Amino acid sequence: ELKLLTGGVLLLRNKFFIILYRGKDFLPKNIADMVVERETELKQWQLHEEDARVRAAGTLHMDTETTADTSLAGTFSEFQHIETICGRINDIKSEDEVKLEAEKER
């Protein structure tokens, strides 16, 4: 689309600049300097963000040792405990169902 409108070839297109080449035309020095300056600024910000990510990852401490006071959350014993409770609930439900069926048959 830009090629048809301007008659040039797209060299660079980003958020801030669109640079087209139209044959014998040349890129003015001040525009070339602005493009280079902006690209180096973006690279510096990327390096700054990467450094911040590395520092943040370094502050995280992964403890691989097991502690004496372990939680039951997500363990097999917790599952068994829940299963016994739910089993009782299912038994209660089945008793209610039996009573309902007995009433239906009357």
PDB file of N, CA and C in Angstrom:
ATOM      1  N   GLU A   1       0.815  -1.179   0.000  1.00  0.00           N
ATOM      2  CA  GLU A   1       0.000   0.000   0.000  1.00  0.00           C
ATOM      3  C   GLU A   1       0.870   1.259   0.000  1.00  0.00           C
ATOM      4  N   LEU A   2       1.871   1.283   0.882  1.00  0.00           N
ATOM      5  CA  LEU A   2       2.772   2.439   0.920  1.00  0.00           C
ATOM      6  C   LEU A   2       3.567   2.560  -0.372  1.00  0.00           C
ATOM      7  N   LYS A   3       3.924   1.413  -0.939  1.00  0.00           N
ATOM      8  CA  LYS A   3       4.698   1.442  -2.184  1.00  0.00           C
ATOM      9  C   LYS A   3       3.879   2.092  -3.299  1.00  0.00           C
ATOM     10  N   LEU A   4       2.611   1.779  -3.353  1.00  0.00           N
ATOM     11  CA  LEU A   4       1.754   2.370  -4.377  1.00  0.00           C
ATOM     12  C   LEU A   4       1.542   3.859  -4.137  1.00  0.00           C
ATOM     13  N   LEU A   5       1.393   4.241  -2.883  1.00  0.00           N
ATOM     14  CA  LEU A   5       1.142   5.649  -2.571  1.00  0.00           C
ATOM     15  C   LEU A   5       2.370   6.524  -2.773  1.00  0.00           C
ATOM     16  N   THR A   6       3.542   6.009  -2.425  1.00  0.00           N
ATOM     17  CA  THR A   6       4.748   6.837  -2.460  1.00  0.00           C
ATOM     18  C   THR A   6       5.677   6.512  -3.611  1.00  0.00           C
ATOM     19  N   GLY A   7       5.527   5.340  -4.192  1.00  0.00           N
ATOM     20  CA  GLY A   7       6.433   4.931  -5.255  1.00  0.00           C
ATOM     21  C   GLY A   7       7.782   4.502  -4.725  1.00  0.00           C
ATOM     22  N   GLY A   8       7.880   4.199  -3.449  1.00  0.00           N
ATOM     23  CA  GLY A   8       9.147   3.814  -2.841  1.00  0.00           C
ATOM     24  C   GLY A   8       9.096   2.413  -2.261  1.00  0.00           C
ATOM     25  N   VAL A   9      10.270   1.958  -1.826  1.00  0.00           N
ATOM     26  CA  VAL A   9      10.405   0.651  -1.199  1.00  0.00           C
ATOM     27  C   VAL A   9      10.541   0.867   0.305  1.00  0.00           C
ATOM     28  N   LEU A  10       9.801   0.115   1.069  1.00  0.00           N
ATOM     29  CA  LEU A  10       9.818   0.244   2.517  1.00  0.00           C
ATOM     30  C   LEU A  10      11.132  -0.293   3.079  1.00  0.00           C
ATOM     31  N   LEU A  11      11.892   0.576   3.764  1.00  0.00           N
ATOM     32  CA  LEU A  11      13.149   0.162   4.391  1.00  0.00           C
ATOM     33  C   LEU A  11      12.967  -0.129   5.870  1.00  0.00           C
ATOM     34  N   LEU A  12      12.248   0.720   6.567  1.00  0.00           N
ATOM     35  CA  LEU A  12      12.068   0.567   8.003  1.00  0.00           C
ATOM     36  C   LEU A  12      10.689   1.073   8.384  1.00  0.00           C
ATOM     37  N   ARG A  13      10.022   0.265   9.171  1.00  0.00           N
ATOM     38  CA  ARG A  13       8.719   0.692   9.677  1.00  0.00           C
ATOM     39  C   ARG A  13       8.605   0.193  11.102  1.00  0.00           C
ATOM     40  N   ASN A  14       8.483   1.116  12.005  1.00  0.00           N
ATOM     41  CA  ASN A  14       8.236   0.755  13.391  1.00  0.00           C
ATOM     42  C   ASN A  14       7.244   1.747  13.960  1.00  0.00           C
ATOM     43  N   LYS A  15       7.148   1.759  15.252  1.00  0.00           N
ATOM     44  CA  LYS A  15       6.166   2.586  15.925  1.00  0.00           C
ATOM     45  C   LYS A  15       6.404   4.080  15.715  1.00  0.00           C
ATOM     46  N   PHE A  16       7.649   4.459  15.465  1.00  0.00           N
ATOM     47  CA  PHE A  16       8.003   5.872  15.432  1.00  0.00           C
ATOM     48  C   PHE A  16       8.355   6.389  14.040  1.00  0.00           C
ATOM     49  N   PHE A  17       8.886   5.526  13.177  1.00  0.00           N
ATOM     50  CA  PHE A  17       9.350   5.977  11.863  1.00  0.00           C
ATOM     51  C   PHE A  17       8.868   5.048  10.763  1.00  0.00           C
ATOM     52  N   ILE A  18       8.667   5.627   9.590  1.00  0.00           N
ATOM     53  CA  ILE A  18       8.470   4.871   8.360  1.00  0.00           C
ATOM     54  C   ILE A  18       9.472   5.445   7.373  1.00  0.00           C
ATOM     55  N   ILE A  19      10.391   4.605   6.907  1.00  0.00           N
ATOM     56  CA  ILE A  19      11.427   5.070   5.986  1.00  0.00           C
ATOM     57  C   ILE A  19      11.253   4.331   4.667  1.00  0.00           C
ATOM     58  N   LEU A  20      11.142   5.109   3.608  1.00  0.00           N
ATOM     59  CA  LEU A  20      10.972   4.563   2.270  1.00  0.00           C
ATOM     60  C   LEU A  20      12.170   4.932   1.412  1.00  0.00           C
ATOM     61  N   TYR A  21      12.546   4.049   0.509  1.00  0.00           N
ATOM     62  CA  TYR A  21      13.619   4.319  -0.442  1.00  0.00           C
ATOM     63  C   TYR A  21      12.975   4.487  -1.807  1.00  0.00           C
ATOM     64  N   ARG A  22      13.279   5.624  -2.458  1.00  0.00           N
ATOM     65  CA  ARG A  22      12.680   5.908  -3.752  1.00  0.00           C
ATOM     66  C   ARG A  22      13.738   6.104  -4.825  1.00  0.00           C
ATOM     67  N   GLY A  23      14.645   5.192  -4.902  1.00  0.00           N
ATOM     68  CA  GLY A  23      15.643   5.269  -5.962  1.00  0.00           C
ATOM     69  C   GLY A  23      16.785   6.182  -5.614  1.00  0.00           C
ATOM     70  N   LYS A  24      16.913   7.310  -6.330  1.00  0.00           N
ATOM     71  CA  LYS A  24      18.056   8.201  -6.152  1.00  0.00           C
ATOM     72  C   LYS A  24      17.908   9.107  -4.942  1.00  0.00           C
ATOM     73  N   ASP A  25      16.760   9.058  -4.296  1.00  0.00           N
ATOM     74  CA  ASP A  25      16.592   9.854  -3.083  1.00  0.00           C
ATOM     75  C   ASP A  25      17.551   9.344  -2.022  1.00  0.00           C
ATOM     76  N   PHE A  26      17.897  10.201  -1.111  1.00  0.00           N
ATOM     77  CA  PHE A  26      18.775   9.776  -0.020  1.00  0.00           C
ATOM     78  C   PHE A  26      18.117  10.110   1.305  1.00  0.00           C
ATOM     79  N   LEU A  27      18.564   9.428   2.324  1.00  0.00           N
ATOM     80  CA  LEU A  27      18.055   9.650   3.665  1.00  0.00           C
ATOM     81  C   LEU A  27      18.839  10.798   4.282  1.00  0.00           C
ATOM     82  N   PRO A  28      18.165  11.867   4.674  1.00  0.00           N
ATOM     83  CA  PRO A  28      18.876  12.989   5.284  1.00  0.00           C
ATOM     84  C   PRO A  28      19.609  12.558   6.552  1.00  0.00           C
ATOM     85  N   LYS A  29      20.720  13.199   6.817  1.00  0.00           N
ATOM     86  CA  LYS A  29      21.593  12.837   7.937  1.00  0.00           C
ATOM     87  C   LYS A  29      20.860  12.919   9.271  1.00  0.00           C
ATOM     88  N   ASN A  30      20.071  13.957   9.467  1.00  0.00           N
ATOM     89  CA  ASN A  30      19.387  14.103  10.754  1.00  0.00           C
ATOM     90  C   ASN A  30      18.356  12.994  10.983  1.00  0.00           C
ATOM     91  N   ILE A  31      17.688  12.553   9.932  1.00  0.00           N
ATOM     92  CA  ILE A  31      16.721  11.459  10.082  1.00  0.00           C
ATOM     93  C   ILE A  31      17.442  10.146  10.347  1.00  0.00           C
ATOM     94  N   ALA A  32      18.541   9.904   9.654  1.00  0.00           N
ATOM     95  CA  ALA A  32      19.318   8.682   9.892  1.00  0.00           C
ATOM     96  C   ALA A  32      19.836   8.656  11.323  1.00  0.00           C
ATOM     97  N   ASP A  33      20.292   9.801  11.815  1.00  0.00           N
ATOM     98  CA  ASP A  33      20.774   9.870  13.201  1.00  0.00           C
ATOM     99  C   ASP A  33      19.644   9.615  14.197  1.00  0.00           C
ATOM    100  N   MET A  34      18.456  10.160  13.907  1.00  0.00           N
ATOM    101  CA  MET A  34      17.317   9.928  14.796  1.00  0.00           C
ATOM    102  C   MET A  34      16.942   8.450  14.851  1.00  0.00           C
ATOM    103  N   VAL A  35      16.976   7.781  13.707  1.00  0.00           N
ATOM    104  CA  VAL A  35      16.639   6.357  13.662  1.00  0.00           C
ATOM    105  C   VAL A  35      17.649   5.547  14.463  1.00  0.00           C
ATOM    106  N   VAL A  36      18.925   5.828  14.269  1.00  0.00           N
ATOM    107  CA  VAL A  36      19.973   5.102  14.996  1.00  0.00           C
ATOM    108  C   VAL A  36      19.861   5.369  16.491  1.00  0.00           C
ATOM    109  N   GLU A  37      19.620   6.617  16.852  1.00  0.00           N
ATOM    110  CA  GLU A  37      19.486   6.978  18.264  1.00  0.00           C
ATOM    111  C   GLU A  37      18.304   6.254  18.908  1.00  0.00           C
ATOM    112  N   ARG A  38      17.195   6.221  18.210  1.00  0.00           N
ATOM    113  CA  ARG A  38      15.999   5.558  18.752  1.00  0.00           C
ATOM    114  C   ARG A  38      16.226   4.054  18.895  1.00  0.00           C
ATOM    115  N   GLU A  39      16.868   3.434  17.935  1.00  0.00           N
ATOM    116  CA  GLU A  39      17.134   1.997  18.016  1.00  0.00           C
ATOM    117  C   GLU A  39      18.082   1.667  19.160  1.00  0.00           C
ATOM    118  N   THR A  40      19.096   2.494  19.385  1.00  0.00           N
ATOM    119  CA  THR A  40      20.001   2.240  20.513  1.00  0.00           C
ATOM    120  C   THR A  40      19.280   2.452  21.841  1.00  0.00           C
ATOM    121  N   GLU A  41      18.397   3.443  21.883  1.00  0.00           N
ATOM    122  CA  GLU A  41      17.617   3.668  23.103  1.00  0.00           C
ATOM    123  C   GLU A  41      16.727   2.465  23.414  1.00  0.00           C
ATOM    124  N   LEU A  42      16.091   1.917  22.385  1.00  0.00           N
ATOM    125  CA  LEU A  42      15.251   0.738  22.586  1.00  0.00           C
ATOM    126  C   LEU A  42      16.074  -0.459  23.055  1.00  0.00           C
ATOM    127  N   LYS A  43      17.260  -0.631  22.495  1.00  0.00           N
ATOM    128  CA  LYS A  43      18.129  -1.738  22.923  1.00  0.00           C
ATOM    129  C   LYS A  43      18.556  -1.564  24.374  1.00  0.00           C
ATOM    130  N   GLN A  44      18.835  -0.326  24.780  1.00  0.00           N
ATOM    131  CA  GLN A  44      19.209  -0.070  26.171  1.00  0.00           C
ATOM    132  C   GLN A  44      18.064  -0.415  27.118  1.00  0.00           C
ATOM    133  N   TRP A  45      16.841  -0.064  26.728  1.00  0.00           N
ATOM    134  CA  TRP A  45      15.689  -0.395  27.572  1.00  0.00           C
ATOM    135  C   TRP A  45      15.489  -1.906  27.651  1.00  0.00           C
ATOM    136  N   GLN A  46      15.705  -2.595  26.536  1.00  0.00           N
ATOM    137  CA  GLN A  46      15.578  -4.053  26.550  1.00  0.00           C
ATOM    138  C   GLN A  46      16.613  -4.675  27.476  1.00  0.00           C
ATOM    139  N   LEU A  47      17.842  -4.171  27.437  1.00  0.00           N
ATOM    140  CA  LEU A  47      18.881  -4.683  28.328  1.00  0.00           C
ATOM    141  C   LEU A  47      18.548  -4.373  29.785  1.00  0.00           C
ATOM    142  N   HIS A  48      18.010  -3.186  30.028  1.00  0.00           N
ATOM    143  CA  HIS A  48      17.611  -2.806  31.385  1.00  0.00           C
ATOM    144  C   HIS A  48      16.511  -3.738  31.908  1.00  0.00           C
ATOM    145  N   GLU A  49      15.514  -4.022  31.076  1.00  0.00           N
ATOM    146  CA  GLU A  49      14.433  -4.920  31.482  1.00  0.00           C
ATOM    147  C   GLU A  49      14.947  -6.335  31.712  1.00  0.00           C
ATOM    148  N   GLU A  50      15.841  -6.793  30.856  1.00  0.00           N
ATOM    149  CA  GLU A  50      16.408  -8.132  31.024  1.00  0.00           C
ATOM    150  C   GLU A  50      17.211  -8.214  32.315  1.00  0.00           C
ATOM    151  N   ASP A  51      17.965  -7.175  32.620  1.00  0.00           N
ATOM    152  CA  ASP A  51      18.734  -7.139  33.864  1.00  0.00           C
ATOM    153  C   ASP A  51      17.798  -7.183  35.072  1.00  0.00           C
ATOM    154  N   ALA A  52      16.687  -6.455  34.995  1.00  0.00           N
ATOM    155  CA  ALA A  52      15.710  -6.467  36.091  1.00  0.00           C
ATOM    156  C   ALA A  52      15.102  -7.855  36.257  1.00  0.00           C
ATOM    157  N   ARG A  53      14.825  -8.545  35.145  1.00  0.00           N
ATOM    158  CA  ARG A  53      14.289  -9.905  35.223  1.00  0.00           C
ATOM    159  C   ARG A  53      15.282 -10.855  35.865  1.00  0.00           C
ATOM    160  N   VAL A  54      16.550 -10.724  35.508  1.00  0.00           N
ATOM    161  CA  VAL A  54      17.584 -11.598  36.069  1.00  0.00           C
ATOM    162  C   VAL A  54      17.731 -11.345  37.564  1.00  0.00           C
ATOM    163  N   ARG A  55      17.721 -10.079  37.964  1.00  0.00           N
ATOM    164  CA  ARG A  55      17.822  -9.761  39.394  1.00  0.00           C
ATOM    165  C   ARG A  55      16.613 -10.288  40.160  1.00  0.00           C
ATOM    166  N   ALA A  56      15.427 -10.165  39.575  1.00  0.00           N
ATOM    167  CA  ALA A  56      14.217 -10.662  40.242  1.00  0.00           C
ATOM    168  C   ALA A  56      14.255 -12.183  40.363  1.00  0.00           C
ATOM    169  N   ALA A  57      14.737 -12.849  39.342  1.00  0.00           N
ATOM    170  CA  ALA A  57      14.835 -14.307  39.401  1.00  0.00           C
ATOM    171  C   ALA A  57      15.885 -14.730  40.417  1.00  0.00           C
ATOM    172  N   GLY A  58      16.909 -13.922  40.609  1.00  0.00           N
ATOM    173  CA  GLY A  58      17.954 -14.239  41.583  1.00  0.00           C
ATOM    174  C   GLY A  58      17.480 -14.106  43.014  1.00  0.00           C
ATOM    175  N   THR A  59      16.475 -13.266  43.244  1.00  0.00           N
ATOM    176  CA  THR A  59      15.980 -13.087  44.606  1.00  0.00           C
ATOM    177  C   THR A  59      15.089 -14.232  45.047  1.00  0.00           C
ATOM    178  N   LEU A  60      14.546 -14.981  44.107  1.00  0.00           N
ATOM    179  CA  LEU A  60      13.711 -16.124  44.467  1.00  0.00           C
ATOM    180  C   LEU A  60      14.597 -17.236  44.993  1.00  0.00           C
ATOM    181  N   HIS A  61      14.203 -17.798  46.105  1.00  0.00           N
ATOM    182  CA  HIS A  61      14.981 -18.868  46.707  1.00  0.00           C
ATOM    183  C   HIS A  61      14.139 -20.135  46.701  1.00  0.00           C
ATOM    184  N   MET A  62      14.629 -21.135  46.033  1.00  0.00           N
ATOM    185  CA  MET A  62      13.925 -22.403  45.978  1.00  0.00           C
ATOM    186  C   MET A  62      14.455 -23.300  47.081  1.00  0.00           C
ATOM    187  N   ASP A  63      13.611 -23.657  48.021  1.00  0.00           N
ATOM    188  CA  ASP A  63      14.008 -24.506  49.135  1.00  0.00           C
ATOM    189  C   ASP A  63      13.670 -25.945  48.781  1.00  0.00           C
ATOM    190  N   THR A  64      14.677 -26.762  48.605  1.00  0.00           N
ATOM    191  CA  THR A  64      14.458 -28.152  48.230  1.00  0.00           C
ATOM    192  C   THR A  64      14.430 -29.073  49.432  1.00  0.00           C
ATOM    193  N   GLU A  65      14.785 -28.561  50.597  1.00  0.00           N
ATOM    194  CA  GLU A  65      14.775 -29.386  51.792  1.00  0.00           C
ATOM    195  C   GLU A  65      13.353 -29.534  52.312  1.00  0.00           C
ATOM    196  N   THR A  66      13.056 -30.718  52.860  1.00  0.00           N
ATOM    197  CA  THR A  66      11.745 -30.927  53.451  1.00  0.00           C
ATOM    198  C   THR A  66      11.785 -30.484  54.901  1.00  0.00           C
ATOM    199  N   THR A  67      10.722 -29.904  55.346  1.00  0.00           N
ATOM    200  CA  THR A  67      10.656 -29.439  56.722  1.00  0.00           C
ATOM    201  C   THR A  67       9.919 -30.467  57.569  1.00  0.00           C
ATOM    202  N   ALA A  68      10.107 -30.378  58.867  1.00  0.00           N
ATOM    203  CA  ALA A  68       9.461 -31.321  59.777  1.00  0.00           C
ATOM    204  C   ALA A  68       7.961 -31.059  59.845  1.00  0.00           C
ATOM    205  N   ASP A  69       7.569 -29.814  59.765  1.00  0.00           N
ATOM    206  CA  ASP A  69       6.150 -29.466  59.823  1.00  0.00           C
ATOM    207  C   ASP A  69       5.595 -29.382  58.411  1.00  0.00           C
ATOM    208  N   THR A  70       5.210 -30.522  57.878  1.00  0.00           N
ATOM    209  CA  THR A  70       4.684 -30.527  56.516  1.00  0.00           C
ATOM    210  C   THR A  70       3.179 -30.404  56.552  1.00  0.00           C
ATOM    211  N   SER A  71       2.655 -29.816  55.543  1.00  0.00           N
ATOM    212  CA  SER A  71       1.221 -29.621  55.434  1.00  0.00           C
ATOM    213  C   SER A  71       0.577 -30.870  54.849  1.00  0.00           C
ATOM    214  N   LEU A  72      -0.668 -31.089  55.175  1.00  0.00           N
ATOM    215  CA  LEU A  72      -1.395 -32.230  54.631  1.00  0.00           C
ATOM    216  C   LEU A  72      -2.087 -31.892  53.317  1.00  0.00           C
ATOM    217  N   ALA A  73      -2.057 -30.631  52.943  1.00  0.00           N
ATOM    218  CA  ALA A  73      -2.750 -30.206  51.731  1.00  0.00           C
ATOM    219  C   ALA A  73      -2.160 -30.898  50.516  1.00  0.00           C
ATOM    220  N   GLY A  74      -3.023 -31.557  49.750  1.00  0.00           N
ATOM    221  CA  GLY A  74      -2.604 -32.203  48.520  1.00  0.00           C
ATOM    222  C   GLY A  74      -1.939 -33.547  48.729  1.00  0.00           C
ATOM    223  N   THR A  75      -2.012 -34.106  49.918  1.00  0.00           N
ATOM    224  CA  THR A  75      -1.367 -35.391  50.184  1.00  0.00           C
ATOM    225  C   THR A  75      -2.391 -36.512  50.107  1.00  0.00           C
ATOM    226  N   PHE A  76      -1.866 -37.735  50.116  1.00  0.00           N
ATOM    227  CA  PHE A  76      -2.730 -38.906  50.054  1.00  0.00           C
ATOM    228  C   PHE A  76      -3.567 -39.029  51.320  1.00  0.00           C
ATOM    229  N   SER A  77      -2.999 -38.661  52.453  1.00  0.00           N
ATOM    230  CA  SER A  77      -3.769 -38.737  53.701  1.00  0.00           C
ATOM    231  C   SER A  77      -4.945 -37.759  53.675  1.00  0.00           C
ATOM    232  N   GLU A  78      -4.749 -36.591  53.068  1.00  0.00           N
ATOM    233  CA  GLU A  78      -5.863 -35.656  52.932  1.00  0.00           C
ATOM    234  C   GLU A  78      -6.933 -36.247  52.026  1.00  0.00           C
ATOM    235  N   PHE A  79      -6.505 -36.898  50.960  1.00  0.00           N
ATOM    236  CA  PHE A  79      -7.450 -37.536  50.043  1.00  0.00           C
ATOM    237  C   PHE A  79      -8.259 -38.607  50.764  1.00  0.00           C
ATOM    238  N   GLN A  80      -7.580 -39.429  51.560  1.00  0.00           N
ATOM    239  CA  GLN A  80      -8.286 -40.475  52.296  1.00  0.00           C
ATOM    240  C   GLN A  80      -9.277 -39.870  53.285  1.00  0.00           C
ATOM    241  N   HIS A  81      -8.880 -38.795  53.943  1.00  0.00           N
ATOM    242  CA  HIS A  81      -9.769 -38.129  54.887  1.00  0.00           C
ATOM    243  C   HIS A  81     -11.020 -37.608  54.177  1.00  0.00           C
ATOM    244  N   ILE A  82     -10.828 -36.959  53.042  1.00  0.00           N
ATOM    245  CA  ILE A  82     -11.964 -36.434  52.276  1.00  0.00           C
ATOM    246  C   ILE A  82     -12.828 -37.579  51.768  1.00  0.00           C
ATOM    247  N   GLU A  83     -12.191 -38.654  51.350  1.00  0.00           N
ATOM    248  CA  GLU A  83     -12.932 -39.806  50.844  1.00  0.00           C
ATOM    249  C   GLU A  83     -13.822 -40.410  51.930  1.00  0.00           C
ATOM    250  N   THR A  84     -13.326 -40.486  53.156  1.00  0.00           N
ATOM    251  CA  THR A  84     -14.159 -41.019  54.238  1.00  0.00           C
ATOM    252  C   THR A  84     -15.335 -40.094  54.523  1.00  0.00           C
ATOM    253  N   ILE A  85     -15.105 -38.783  54.471  1.00  0.00           N
ATOM    254  CA  ILE A  85     -16.198 -37.832  54.696  1.00  0.00           C
ATOM    255  C   ILE A  85     -17.223 -37.930  53.573  1.00  0.00           C
ATOM    256  N   CYS A  86     -16.747 -37.960  52.336  1.00  0.00           N
ATOM    257  CA  CYS A  86     -17.663 -38.040  51.195  1.00  0.00           C
ATOM    258  C   CYS A  86     -18.369 -39.384  51.171  1.00  0.00           C
ATOM    259  N   GLY A  87     -17.681 -40.422  51.589  1.00  0.00           N
ATOM    260  CA  GLY A  87     -18.319 -41.735  51.662  1.00  0.00           C
ATOM    261  C   GLY A  87     -19.478 -41.708  52.624  1.00  0.00           C
ATOM    262  N   ARG A  88     -19.312 -41.037  53.746  1.00  0.00           N
ATOM    263  CA  ARG A  88     -20.399 -40.899  54.715  1.00  0.00           C
ATOM    264  C   ARG A  88     -21.550 -40.101  54.118  1.00  0.00           C
ATOM    265  N   ILE A  89     -21.228 -39.068  53.387  1.00  0.00           N
ATOM    266  CA  ILE A  89     -22.266 -38.255  52.746  1.00  0.00           C
ATOM    267  C   ILE A  89     -23.027 -39.097  51.732  1.00  0.00           C
ATOM    268  N   ASN A  90     -22.290 -39.894  50.955  1.00  0.00           N
ATOM    269  CA  ASN A  90     -22.943 -40.753  49.974  1.00  0.00           C
ATOM    270  C   ASN A  90     -23.834 -41.774  50.661  1.00  0.00           C
ATOM    271  N   ASP A  91     -23.403 -42.303  51.819  1.00  0.00           N
ATOM    272  CA  ASP A  91     -24.229 -43.244  52.566  1.00  0.00           C
ATOM    273  C   ASP A  91     -25.508 -42.567  53.034  1.00  0.00           C
ATOM    274  N   ILE A  92     -25.389 -41.331  53.503  1.00  0.00           N
ATOM    275  CA  ILE A  92     -26.562 -40.581  53.950  1.00  0.00           C
ATOM    276  C   ILE A  92     -27.503 -40.339  52.778  1.00  0.00           C
ATOM    277  N   LYS A  93     -26.940 -39.998  51.635  1.00  0.00           N
ATOM    278  CA  LYS A  93     -27.766 -39.781  50.453  1.00  0.00           C
ATOM    279  C   LYS A  93     -28.472 -41.066  50.055  1.00  0.00           C
ATOM    280  N   SER A  94     -27.765 -42.163  50.127  1.00  0.00           N
ATOM    281  CA  SER A  94     -28.392 -43.418  49.730  1.00  0.00           C
ATOM    282  C   SER A  94     -29.517 -43.785  50.691  1.00  0.00           C
ATOM    283  N   GLU A  95     -29.372 -43.492  51.982  1.00  0.00           N
ATOM    284  CA  GLU A  95     -30.450 -43.734  52.939  1.00  0.00           C
ATOM    285  C   GLU A  95     -31.665 -42.882  52.599  1.00  0.00           C
ATOM    286  N   ASP A  96     -31.416 -41.625  52.219  1.00  0.00           N
ATOM    287  CA  ASP A  96     -32.518 -40.749  51.827  1.00  0.00           C
ATOM    288  C   ASP A  96     -33.195 -41.261  50.566  1.00  0.00           C
ATOM    289  N   GLU A  97     -32.403 -41.737  49.634  1.00  0.00           N
ATOM    290  CA  GLU A  97     -32.964 -42.274  48.402  1.00  0.00           C
ATOM    291  C   GLU A  97     -33.822 -43.498  48.685  1.00  0.00           C
ATOM    292  N   VAL A  98     -33.372 -44.349  49.603  1.00  0.00           N
ATOM    293  CA  VAL A  98     -34.144 -45.535  49.971  1.00  0.00           C
ATOM    294  C   VAL A  98     -35.474 -45.127  50.586  1.00  0.00           C
ATOM    295  N   LYS A  99     -35.455 -44.121  51.438  1.00  0.00           N
ATOM    296  CA  LYS A  99     -36.694 -43.637  52.053  1.00  0.00           C
ATOM    297  C   LYS A  99     -37.649 -43.087  50.998  1.00  0.00           C
ATOM    298  N   LEU A 100     -37.103 -42.331  50.017  1.00  0.00           N
ATOM    299  CA  LEU A 100     -37.950 -41.785  48.956  1.00  0.00           C
ATOM    300  C   LEU A 100     -38.556 -42.891  48.113  1.00  0.00           C
ATOM    301  N   GLU A 101     -37.770 -43.896  47.796  1.00  0.00           N
ATOM    302  CA  GLU A 101     -38.287 -45.008  47.006  1.00  0.00           C
ATOM    303  C   GLU A 101     -39.369 -45.762  47.772  1.00  0.00           C
ATOM    304  N   ALA A 102     -39.175 -45.910  49.072  1.00  0.00           N
ATOM    305  CA  ALA A 102     -40.184 -46.591  49.891  1.00  0.00           C
ATOM    306  C   ALA A 102     -41.484 -45.800  49.913  1.00  0.00           C
ATOM    307  N   GLU A 103     -41.372 -44.481  49.990  1.00  0.00           N
ATOM    308  CA  GLU A 103     -42.572 -43.649  49.979  1.00  0.00           C
ATOM    309  C   GLU A 103     -43.274 -43.704  48.628  1.00  0.00           C
ATOM    310  N   LYS A 104     -42.493 -43.777  47.544  1.00  0.00           N
ATOM    311  CA  LYS A 104     -43.079 -43.850  46.208  1.00  0.00           C
ATOM    312  C   LYS A 104     -43.867 -45.146  46.029  1.00  0.00           C
ATOM    313  N   GLU A 105     -43.369 -46.222  46.599  1.00  0.00           N
ATOM    314  CA  GLU A 105     -44.028 -47.513  46.436  1.00  0.00           C
ATOM    315  C   GLU A 105     -45.305 -47.615  47.264  1.00  0.00           C
ATOM    316  N   ARG A 106     -45.453 -46.830  48.294  1.00  0.00           N
ATOM    317  CA  ARG A 106     -46.661 -46.876  49.132  1.00  0.00           C
ATOM    318  C   ARG A 106     -47.809 -46.354  48.395  1.00  0.00           C
TER     319      ARG A 106
END
